[in-house]
N, C-alpha and C. Protein backbone atom coordinates (compact mmCIF):
# COMPACT_ATOMS: atom_id res chain seq x y z
N UNK A 1 153.64 38.88 97.78
CA UNK A 1 153.99 40.25 97.58
C UNK A 1 154.06 40.87 96.27
N UNK A 2 154.32 40.20 95.16
CA UNK A 2 154.37 40.50 93.77
C UNK A 2 152.90 40.83 93.31
N UNK A 3 152.10 39.97 93.70
CA UNK A 3 150.69 40.09 93.40
C UNK A 3 150.13 41.18 93.88
N UNK A 4 150.54 41.65 95.26
CA UNK A 4 149.93 42.91 95.88
C UNK A 4 150.48 44.09 95.08
N UNK A 5 151.65 44.05 94.78
CA UNK A 5 152.36 45.17 93.83
C UNK A 5 151.58 45.38 92.45
N UNK A 6 151.46 44.34 91.97
CA UNK A 6 150.71 44.33 90.67
C UNK A 6 149.25 44.98 90.65
N UNK A 7 148.57 44.52 91.80
CA UNK A 7 147.29 45.05 91.91
C UNK A 7 147.35 46.53 92.25
N UNK A 8 148.31 47.02 93.14
CA UNK A 8 148.47 48.30 93.39
C UNK A 8 148.79 49.05 92.05
N UNK A 9 149.58 48.56 91.24
CA UNK A 9 149.99 49.17 90.06
C UNK A 9 148.97 49.46 89.09
N UNK A 10 147.89 48.35 89.03
CA UNK A 10 146.82 48.30 88.20
C UNK A 10 145.83 49.45 88.82
N UNK A 11 145.73 49.49 89.99
CA UNK A 11 144.73 50.61 90.73
C UNK A 11 145.11 51.93 90.30
N UNK A 12 146.47 52.09 90.25
CA UNK A 12 147.13 53.44 89.94
C UNK A 12 146.68 53.89 88.50
N UNK A 13 146.94 52.74 87.57
CA UNK A 13 146.66 53.06 86.24
C UNK A 13 145.19 53.32 86.03
N UNK A 14 144.18 52.63 86.72
CA UNK A 14 142.91 52.92 86.49
C UNK A 14 142.48 54.37 87.18
N UNK A 15 143.10 54.58 88.34
CA UNK A 15 142.77 55.92 88.74
C UNK A 15 143.28 56.96 87.74
N UNK A 16 144.48 56.79 87.24
CA UNK A 16 145.12 57.77 86.20
C UNK A 16 144.35 57.86 85.03
N UNK A 17 143.55 56.75 84.55
CA UNK A 17 142.73 56.87 83.46
C UNK A 17 141.38 57.83 83.64
N UNK A 18 141.01 57.64 84.83
CA UNK A 18 139.85 58.34 85.40
C UNK A 18 140.22 59.88 85.22
N UNK A 19 141.21 60.20 85.63
CA UNK A 19 141.73 61.65 85.73
C UNK A 19 141.93 62.18 84.40
N UNK A 20 142.53 61.30 83.46
CA UNK A 20 142.78 61.77 82.19
C UNK A 20 141.26 61.85 81.46
N UNK A 21 140.30 61.09 81.66
CA UNK A 21 139.00 61.22 80.97
C UNK A 21 138.30 62.47 81.61
N UNK A 22 138.50 62.67 82.79
CA UNK A 22 137.97 63.89 83.44
C UNK A 22 138.48 65.04 82.81
N UNK A 23 139.90 65.18 82.67
CA UNK A 23 140.57 66.11 81.87
C UNK A 23 140.27 66.38 80.60
N UNK A 24 139.95 65.27 79.83
CA UNK A 24 139.52 65.25 78.40
C UNK A 24 138.04 65.83 78.54
N UNK A 25 137.25 65.32 79.38
CA UNK A 25 135.85 65.90 79.40
C UNK A 25 135.96 67.45 79.46
N UNK A 26 136.80 67.99 80.42
CA UNK A 26 136.68 69.35 80.74
C UNK A 26 137.10 70.14 79.32
N UNK A 27 138.22 69.65 78.53
CA UNK A 27 138.66 70.29 77.48
C UNK A 27 137.53 70.18 76.43
N UNK A 28 136.85 69.06 76.28
CA UNK A 28 135.64 68.87 75.38
C UNK A 28 134.45 69.75 75.65
N UNK A 29 134.25 70.28 77.00
CA UNK A 29 133.31 71.22 77.35
C UNK A 29 133.65 72.55 76.88
N UNK A 30 135.09 72.95 77.08
CA UNK A 30 135.52 74.22 76.73
C UNK A 30 135.34 74.47 75.22
N UNK A 31 135.48 73.52 74.40
CA UNK A 31 135.38 73.40 73.07
C UNK A 31 133.99 73.84 72.50
N UNK A 32 132.93 73.41 73.28
CA UNK A 32 131.59 73.96 73.03
C UNK A 32 131.35 75.21 73.44
N UNK A 33 132.20 75.90 74.46
CA UNK A 33 132.00 77.21 74.53
C UNK A 33 130.89 77.56 75.78
N UNK A 34 130.79 78.79 76.11
CA UNK A 34 129.89 79.04 77.16
C UNK A 34 130.50 79.19 78.57
N UNK A 35 131.77 78.92 78.61
CA UNK A 35 132.53 79.24 79.95
C UNK A 35 133.30 80.28 80.18
N UNK A 36 133.40 80.80 81.53
CA UNK A 36 134.24 81.79 81.77
C UNK A 36 135.69 81.19 82.27
N UNK A 37 136.80 81.54 81.88
CA UNK A 37 138.04 81.16 82.24
C UNK A 37 138.74 82.14 83.13
N UNK A 38 138.62 81.91 84.41
CA UNK A 38 139.35 82.87 85.45
C UNK A 38 140.70 82.31 85.55
N UNK A 39 141.53 83.21 85.13
CA UNK A 39 142.89 82.90 85.17
C UNK A 39 143.81 83.94 86.10
N UNK A 40 144.53 83.27 86.84
CA UNK A 40 145.36 84.02 87.89
C UNK A 40 146.59 84.15 87.14
N UNK A 41 147.01 85.47 87.31
CA UNK A 41 148.34 85.80 86.53
C UNK A 41 149.38 84.95 86.83
N UNK A 42 150.29 84.93 85.90
CA UNK A 42 151.45 83.97 85.99
C UNK A 42 152.40 84.37 87.20
N UNK A 43 153.37 83.49 87.45
CA UNK A 43 154.48 83.63 88.33
C UNK A 43 155.16 85.03 88.30
N UNK A 44 155.16 85.77 89.46
CA UNK A 44 155.93 87.01 89.50
C UNK A 44 157.25 86.85 90.24
N UNK A 45 158.02 87.97 90.12
CA UNK A 45 159.18 88.33 90.75
C UNK A 45 158.78 88.05 92.28
N UNK A 46 159.84 87.91 93.00
CA UNK A 46 159.67 87.51 94.51
C UNK A 46 159.09 88.61 95.21
N UNK A 47 158.10 88.38 96.32
CA UNK A 47 157.28 89.38 97.01
C UNK A 47 155.89 88.89 97.03
N UNK A 48 155.32 89.83 97.96
CA UNK A 48 153.93 89.64 98.03
C UNK A 48 153.31 91.15 97.91
N UNK A 49 152.28 90.98 97.06
CA UNK A 49 151.70 92.59 96.89
C UNK A 49 152.57 93.30 96.09
N UNK A 50 152.16 94.71 96.01
CA UNK A 50 152.97 95.65 95.28
C UNK A 50 153.78 96.56 96.24
N UNK A 51 154.94 97.22 95.81
CA UNK A 51 155.59 98.05 96.57
C UNK A 51 154.57 99.34 97.03
N UNK A 52 154.79 100.00 98.16
CA UNK A 52 153.99 101.14 98.53
C UNK A 52 154.02 102.25 97.32
N UNK A 53 152.98 102.82 97.02
CA UNK A 53 152.85 103.77 96.23
C UNK A 53 153.09 103.49 94.75
N UNK A 54 152.77 102.19 94.43
CA UNK A 54 152.65 101.78 93.17
C UNK A 54 151.54 102.54 92.38
N UNK A 55 151.84 102.49 90.99
CA UNK A 55 150.95 103.17 90.13
C UNK A 55 150.43 102.17 89.01
N UNK A 56 149.34 102.07 88.70
CA UNK A 56 148.69 101.32 87.61
C UNK A 56 149.38 101.65 86.29
N UNK A 57 149.70 102.95 86.08
CA UNK A 57 150.23 103.40 84.78
C UNK A 57 151.68 103.35 84.55
N UNK A 58 152.39 102.73 85.57
CA UNK A 58 153.75 102.53 85.57
C UNK A 58 154.21 101.20 86.01
N UNK A 59 154.46 100.36 85.07
CA UNK A 59 154.80 98.92 85.43
C UNK A 59 156.03 98.98 86.39
N UNK A 60 157.01 99.81 86.15
CA UNK A 60 158.11 99.80 86.94
C UNK A 60 158.04 99.90 88.46
N UNK A 61 156.69 100.47 88.87
CA UNK A 61 156.41 100.60 90.22
C UNK A 61 155.73 99.35 90.80
N UNK A 62 155.51 98.40 89.92
CA UNK A 62 154.60 97.17 90.49
C UNK A 62 155.47 95.82 90.54
N UNK A 63 154.88 94.96 91.03
CA UNK A 63 155.65 93.55 91.09
C UNK A 63 155.05 93.05 89.67
N UNK A 64 156.05 92.42 89.07
CA UNK A 64 155.87 91.98 87.59
C UNK A 64 155.97 90.44 87.52
N UNK A 65 155.80 90.03 86.29
CA UNK A 65 156.14 88.67 85.92
C UNK A 65 157.49 88.34 85.89
N UNK A 66 157.86 87.17 86.40
CA UNK A 66 159.21 86.79 86.17
C UNK A 66 159.40 85.95 84.90
N UNK A 67 160.52 85.68 84.60
CA UNK A 67 160.79 85.05 83.30
C UNK A 67 160.20 83.68 83.28
N UNK A 68 160.16 82.98 84.50
CA UNK A 68 159.26 81.82 84.53
C UNK A 68 157.89 82.06 84.33
N UNK A 69 157.36 83.10 84.87
CA UNK A 69 155.95 83.44 84.53
C UNK A 69 155.52 83.68 83.21
N UNK A 70 156.50 84.54 82.55
CA UNK A 70 156.25 84.49 81.18
C UNK A 70 156.20 83.45 80.39
N UNK A 71 157.02 82.43 80.76
CA UNK A 71 156.89 80.95 80.12
C UNK A 71 155.78 80.43 80.47
N UNK A 72 155.34 80.57 81.49
CA UNK A 72 154.08 79.84 81.91
C UNK A 72 152.71 80.43 81.09
N UNK A 73 152.74 81.69 81.04
CA UNK A 73 151.64 82.34 80.31
C UNK A 73 151.77 81.91 78.96
N UNK A 74 152.82 81.88 78.25
CA UNK A 74 152.88 81.32 76.93
C UNK A 74 152.42 80.00 76.60
N UNK A 75 153.07 79.17 77.67
CA UNK A 75 152.53 77.67 77.64
C UNK A 75 150.91 77.52 77.78
N UNK A 76 150.34 78.35 78.62
CA UNK A 76 148.88 78.17 79.03
C UNK A 76 148.09 78.61 77.62
N UNK A 77 148.68 79.45 76.87
CA UNK A 77 147.96 80.00 75.81
C UNK A 77 148.13 78.94 74.64
N UNK A 78 149.37 78.29 74.53
CA UNK A 78 149.60 77.10 73.67
C UNK A 78 148.65 75.98 73.99
N UNK A 79 148.58 75.72 75.27
CA UNK A 79 147.67 74.58 75.71
C UNK A 79 146.09 74.65 75.07
N UNK A 80 145.69 75.95 75.53
CA UNK A 80 144.41 76.25 74.94
C UNK A 80 144.10 76.20 73.49
N UNK A 81 145.12 76.86 72.60
CA UNK A 81 145.07 76.86 71.23
C UNK A 81 145.14 75.26 70.70
N UNK A 82 146.12 74.69 71.40
CA UNK A 82 146.46 73.20 71.00
C UNK A 82 145.18 72.31 71.23
N UNK A 83 144.36 72.67 72.07
CA UNK A 83 143.15 71.84 72.44
C UNK A 83 141.91 72.29 71.60
N UNK A 84 142.05 73.37 70.81
CA UNK A 84 141.16 73.94 69.99
C UNK A 84 139.97 74.80 70.95
N UNK A 85 140.42 75.51 71.92
CA UNK A 85 139.58 76.07 72.70
C UNK A 85 139.45 77.75 72.30
N UNK A 86 138.44 78.10 71.62
CA UNK A 86 138.22 79.35 71.13
C UNK A 86 137.78 80.35 72.36
N UNK A 87 138.59 81.62 72.37
CA UNK A 87 138.22 82.43 73.26
C UNK A 87 137.68 83.72 72.59
N UNK A 88 136.46 84.05 72.74
CA UNK A 88 136.09 85.47 72.01
C UNK A 88 136.49 86.66 72.59
N UNK A 89 136.74 86.80 73.84
CA UNK A 89 137.05 88.05 74.43
C UNK A 89 138.18 87.69 75.46
N UNK A 90 139.07 88.58 75.75
CA UNK A 90 140.05 88.42 76.83
C UNK A 90 140.17 89.83 77.65
N UNK A 91 139.58 89.68 78.77
CA UNK A 91 139.74 90.99 79.63
C UNK A 91 140.73 90.67 80.87
N UNK A 92 141.27 91.75 81.25
CA UNK A 92 142.40 91.74 82.34
C UNK A 92 142.22 92.84 83.32
N UNK A 93 142.71 92.47 84.47
CA UNK A 93 143.10 93.57 85.49
C UNK A 93 144.05 94.32 84.93
N UNK A 94 143.92 95.63 85.31
CA UNK A 94 144.93 96.69 84.78
C UNK A 94 146.22 96.46 85.30
N UNK A 95 146.56 95.75 86.29
CA UNK A 95 147.94 95.50 86.90
C UNK A 95 148.90 94.83 85.85
N UNK A 96 149.91 95.46 85.57
CA UNK A 96 150.93 94.88 84.68
C UNK A 96 151.05 93.48 84.50
N UNK A 97 151.11 92.69 85.57
CA UNK A 97 151.32 91.35 85.62
C UNK A 97 150.28 90.58 84.98
N UNK A 98 148.89 91.01 85.20
CA UNK A 98 147.89 90.56 84.52
C UNK A 98 147.71 90.80 83.05
N UNK A 99 147.98 92.14 82.61
CA UNK A 99 147.91 92.45 81.22
C UNK A 99 148.94 91.69 80.43
N UNK A 100 150.25 91.52 81.07
CA UNK A 100 151.41 90.81 80.29
C UNK A 100 150.89 89.27 80.26
N UNK A 101 150.33 88.59 81.37
CA UNK A 101 149.85 87.26 81.35
C UNK A 101 148.96 87.14 80.27
N UNK A 102 147.82 88.06 80.03
CA UNK A 102 146.77 87.80 78.83
C UNK A 102 147.67 88.06 77.54
N UNK A 103 148.20 89.07 77.52
CA UNK A 103 149.05 89.30 76.10
C UNK A 103 149.94 88.10 75.61
N UNK A 104 150.56 87.68 76.45
CA UNK A 104 151.46 86.40 76.29
C UNK A 104 150.67 85.12 76.02
N UNK A 105 149.55 84.89 76.62
CA UNK A 105 148.78 83.75 76.33
C UNK A 105 147.86 83.95 75.32
N UNK A 106 147.24 85.10 75.01
CA UNK A 106 146.28 85.25 73.99
C UNK A 106 146.60 86.16 72.94
N UNK A 107 147.76 87.01 73.03
CA UNK A 107 148.06 87.92 72.05
C UNK A 107 147.21 89.23 72.17
N UNK A 108 146.35 89.39 73.21
CA UNK A 108 145.65 90.45 73.26
C UNK A 108 145.06 90.61 74.72
N UNK A 109 144.57 91.67 74.95
CA UNK A 109 143.90 92.00 76.41
C UNK A 109 143.20 93.24 76.51
N UNK A 110 141.98 93.28 77.04
CA UNK A 110 141.30 94.49 77.25
C UNK A 110 141.29 94.84 78.63
N UNK A 111 142.00 95.98 79.14
CA UNK A 111 141.90 96.33 80.40
C UNK A 111 140.48 96.35 80.97
N UNK A 112 140.21 95.86 82.10
CA UNK A 112 138.98 95.93 82.76
C UNK A 112 139.12 96.10 84.38
N UNK A 113 138.70 97.42 84.75
CA UNK A 113 138.67 97.63 86.15
C UNK A 113 138.04 96.61 86.95
N UNK A 114 137.06 96.15 86.52
CA UNK A 114 136.32 95.18 87.38
C UNK A 114 137.10 94.07 87.73
N UNK A 115 138.27 93.82 87.21
CA UNK A 115 139.07 92.61 87.42
C UNK A 115 140.43 93.10 88.54
N UNK A 116 140.38 94.47 88.59
CA UNK A 116 141.51 94.98 89.45
C UNK A 116 141.54 94.12 90.81
N UNK A 117 142.80 94.07 91.37
CA UNK A 117 142.84 93.44 92.64
C UNK A 117 142.01 94.05 93.68
N UNK A 118 141.46 93.02 94.53
CA UNK A 118 140.62 93.34 95.64
C UNK A 118 141.54 93.59 96.93
N UNK A 119 142.69 93.05 96.82
CA UNK A 119 143.56 93.18 97.82
C UNK A 119 143.86 94.58 98.35
N UNK A 120 143.44 94.77 99.68
CA UNK A 120 143.36 95.90 100.26
C UNK A 120 142.26 96.97 99.83
N UNK A 121 141.36 96.39 98.99
CA UNK A 121 140.15 97.15 98.36
C UNK A 121 139.02 96.25 98.46
N UNK A 122 138.60 95.62 99.73
CA UNK A 122 137.77 94.74 100.00
C UNK A 122 136.43 95.48 99.78
N UNK A 123 136.39 96.90 100.05
CA UNK A 123 134.97 97.55 99.95
C UNK A 123 134.52 97.53 98.58
N UNK A 124 135.38 97.37 97.61
CA UNK A 124 134.96 97.19 96.19
C UNK A 124 134.46 95.90 95.73
N UNK A 125 134.52 94.92 96.57
CA UNK A 125 134.28 93.46 96.07
C UNK A 125 132.99 93.37 95.58
N UNK A 126 131.89 93.80 96.20
CA UNK A 126 130.55 93.53 95.73
C UNK A 126 130.25 94.16 94.49
N UNK A 127 130.73 95.46 94.41
CA UNK A 127 130.57 96.12 93.08
C UNK A 127 131.31 95.46 91.76
N UNK A 128 132.51 95.11 91.99
CA UNK A 128 133.38 94.42 91.08
C UNK A 128 132.77 93.16 90.65
N UNK A 129 132.46 92.20 91.65
CA UNK A 129 131.76 91.06 91.40
C UNK A 129 130.47 91.15 90.50
N UNK A 130 129.68 92.13 90.88
CA UNK A 130 128.39 92.30 90.15
C UNK A 130 128.65 92.53 88.72
N UNK A 131 129.87 93.49 88.54
CA UNK A 131 130.08 93.83 87.19
C UNK A 131 130.38 92.49 86.19
N UNK A 132 131.30 91.74 86.93
CA UNK A 132 131.82 90.50 86.19
C UNK A 132 130.70 89.57 86.07
N UNK A 133 129.83 89.43 87.04
CA UNK A 133 128.78 88.44 86.85
C UNK A 133 127.74 88.76 85.94
N UNK A 134 127.59 90.19 85.64
CA UNK A 134 126.62 90.61 84.71
C UNK A 134 127.18 90.43 83.31
N UNK A 135 128.49 90.51 83.20
CA UNK A 135 129.06 90.17 81.76
C UNK A 135 129.05 88.66 81.46
N UNK A 136 129.54 87.89 82.57
CA UNK A 136 129.25 86.44 82.46
C UNK A 136 127.88 85.84 82.07
N UNK A 137 126.97 86.58 82.56
CA UNK A 137 125.56 86.15 82.32
C UNK A 137 125.21 86.43 80.88
N UNK A 138 125.92 87.25 80.21
CA UNK A 138 125.66 87.55 78.82
C UNK A 138 126.30 86.54 77.81
N UNK A 139 127.23 85.72 78.35
CA UNK A 139 127.95 84.69 77.60
C UNK A 139 127.24 83.52 76.97
N UNK A 140 127.20 83.23 75.68
CA UNK A 140 126.69 82.15 74.88
C UNK A 140 127.55 81.40 74.25
N UNK A 141 127.33 80.26 74.10
CA UNK A 141 128.13 79.08 73.29
C UNK A 141 128.19 79.77 71.93
N UNK A 142 129.03 79.57 71.01
CA UNK A 142 130.28 78.80 71.33
C UNK A 142 131.32 79.85 72.06
N UNK A 143 130.96 80.88 72.32
CA UNK A 143 132.24 81.70 72.94
C UNK A 143 132.46 81.34 74.28
N UNK A 144 133.74 81.72 74.71
CA UNK A 144 134.31 81.55 75.97
C UNK A 144 134.83 82.86 76.23
N UNK A 145 134.92 83.07 77.66
CA UNK A 145 135.29 84.52 78.10
C UNK A 145 136.66 84.29 78.94
N UNK A 146 137.77 84.86 78.56
CA UNK A 146 138.90 84.65 79.55
C UNK A 146 139.14 86.00 80.23
N UNK A 147 139.23 85.74 81.68
CA UNK A 147 139.32 86.86 82.53
C UNK A 147 140.76 86.62 83.29
N UNK A 148 141.65 87.53 83.16
CA UNK A 148 142.91 87.45 83.68
C UNK A 148 142.86 88.43 85.02
N UNK A 149 143.07 87.80 86.14
CA UNK A 149 142.92 88.59 87.46
C UNK A 149 143.90 88.12 88.57
N UNK A 150 143.48 88.38 89.66
CA UNK A 150 144.35 87.98 90.89
C UNK A 150 143.56 86.80 91.67
N UNK A 151 144.42 86.16 92.54
CA UNK A 151 144.00 85.10 93.35
C UNK A 151 142.72 85.53 94.28
N UNK A 152 142.99 86.83 94.90
CA UNK A 152 141.83 87.22 95.80
C UNK A 152 140.45 87.39 94.99
N UNK A 153 140.52 87.86 93.72
CA UNK A 153 139.28 87.89 92.96
C UNK A 153 138.63 87.00 92.65
N UNK A 154 139.44 85.73 92.24
CA UNK A 154 138.94 84.47 91.97
C UNK A 154 138.31 83.78 93.14
N UNK A 155 139.00 83.97 94.21
CA UNK A 155 138.52 83.44 95.42
C UNK A 155 137.16 84.02 95.74
N UNK A 156 137.00 85.39 95.62
CA UNK A 156 135.86 86.15 95.94
C UNK A 156 134.60 85.66 94.94
N UNK A 157 134.90 85.50 93.67
CA UNK A 157 133.93 85.04 92.61
C UNK A 157 133.45 83.58 92.74
N UNK A 158 134.36 82.75 93.04
CA UNK A 158 134.06 81.14 93.08
C UNK A 158 134.55 80.31 94.17
N UNK A 159 135.21 80.90 95.17
CA UNK A 159 135.60 80.29 96.26
C UNK A 159 136.79 79.41 96.18
N UNK A 160 137.51 79.50 95.04
CA UNK A 160 138.70 78.66 94.64
C UNK A 160 139.96 79.52 94.79
N UNK A 161 140.95 78.82 95.27
CA UNK A 161 142.24 79.44 95.55
C UNK A 161 143.24 78.88 94.49
N UNK A 162 143.31 79.59 93.39
CA UNK A 162 144.24 79.04 92.32
C UNK A 162 145.57 79.26 92.55
N UNK A 163 146.51 78.37 91.93
CA UNK A 163 147.93 78.79 91.77
C UNK A 163 148.26 79.56 90.65
N UNK A 164 149.52 80.19 90.47
CA UNK A 164 149.72 81.09 89.44
C UNK A 164 149.54 80.47 88.16
N UNK A 165 149.17 81.18 87.14
CA UNK A 165 148.72 80.71 85.78
C UNK A 165 147.69 79.63 85.68
N UNK A 166 147.05 79.38 86.78
CA UNK A 166 145.98 78.31 86.87
C UNK A 166 144.60 78.99 86.35
N UNK A 167 143.89 77.97 85.63
CA UNK A 167 142.67 78.38 85.06
C UNK A 167 141.55 77.86 85.79
N UNK A 168 140.55 78.56 86.35
CA UNK A 168 139.41 77.89 87.02
C UNK A 168 138.36 78.05 85.89
N UNK A 169 137.83 77.05 85.54
CA UNK A 169 136.73 77.16 84.46
C UNK A 169 135.37 77.16 85.21
N UNK A 170 134.64 78.05 84.94
CA UNK A 170 133.14 78.33 85.60
C UNK A 170 132.20 78.51 84.57
N UNK A 171 131.05 78.14 84.89
CA UNK A 171 129.77 78.27 84.13
C UNK A 171 128.88 79.25 84.75
N UNK A 172 128.37 80.30 83.96
CA UNK A 172 127.47 81.17 84.41
C UNK A 172 126.11 80.39 84.71
N UNK A 173 125.59 80.59 85.86
CA UNK A 173 124.36 80.04 86.24
C UNK A 173 123.52 80.64 87.39
N UNK A 174 122.38 81.15 87.01
CA UNK A 174 121.50 81.96 87.95
C UNK A 174 122.26 83.00 88.63
N UNK A 175 123.00 83.91 87.88
CA UNK A 175 123.53 85.07 88.56
C UNK A 175 124.89 84.83 89.21
N UNK A 176 125.50 83.55 89.06
CA UNK A 176 126.72 83.39 89.77
C UNK A 176 127.52 82.54 88.79
N UNK A 177 128.83 82.19 89.26
CA UNK A 177 129.65 81.44 88.47
C UNK A 177 129.91 80.04 89.18
N UNK A 178 129.75 79.13 88.56
CA UNK A 178 129.85 77.80 89.19
C UNK A 178 131.08 77.16 88.67
N UNK A 179 132.10 76.88 89.42
CA UNK A 179 133.25 76.08 89.01
C UNK A 179 133.00 74.83 88.52
N UNK A 180 133.49 74.36 87.44
CA UNK A 180 133.46 73.17 86.88
C UNK A 180 134.63 72.28 86.59
N UNK A 181 135.69 72.96 86.78
CA UNK A 181 137.18 72.32 86.62
C UNK A 181 138.24 73.49 86.79
N UNK A 182 139.48 72.71 86.84
CA UNK A 182 140.67 73.56 86.95
C UNK A 182 141.66 72.98 85.99
N UNK A 183 142.45 73.97 85.42
CA UNK A 183 143.50 73.58 84.41
C UNK A 183 144.70 74.11 85.05
N UNK A 184 145.58 73.27 85.56
CA UNK A 184 146.83 73.94 86.43
C UNK A 184 147.70 74.51 85.45
N UNK A 185 148.78 75.31 85.71
CA UNK A 185 149.79 75.90 84.96
C UNK A 185 150.60 74.80 84.23
N UNK A 186 150.77 74.92 82.92
CA UNK A 186 151.56 73.76 82.32
C UNK A 186 152.99 73.67 82.63
């Protein structure tokens, strides 16, 4: 029985080492640049969507970041800086929760309507994705591009359903974004 437990323990260590090296490989790729960081906004106050009749120009009318979400955004920015990942540009959905996530993580954010939520606006999906993909196609190492947006937008672009403050790392390729890894919220 002890021998079986010892083998199981060793198998777990080996599996964990593989995951760590994959993690390290992703971080090393990011240091080289040429990637799009699709970042879902950090955790919000309870609820889904925004209140009826919300306005983009008035954060008081929107569902905003919670204190936990603000801490998530700061930690995500610290993790990127701590690993030496350079970000040339930071663009964000105009929703306050996205803008605040970007500013807390990176210290800056350029509002970009192409990243605005597709929730309830599915008719805009093709055009918004076209604009994002065109910008991504211009990306060259050593630059990385950070795009702070919503779950539905990231799903539309790369088919991945990220958690709050999670980063989906994608590579521009042949007019699309190919996911190469994920960085969970810290």
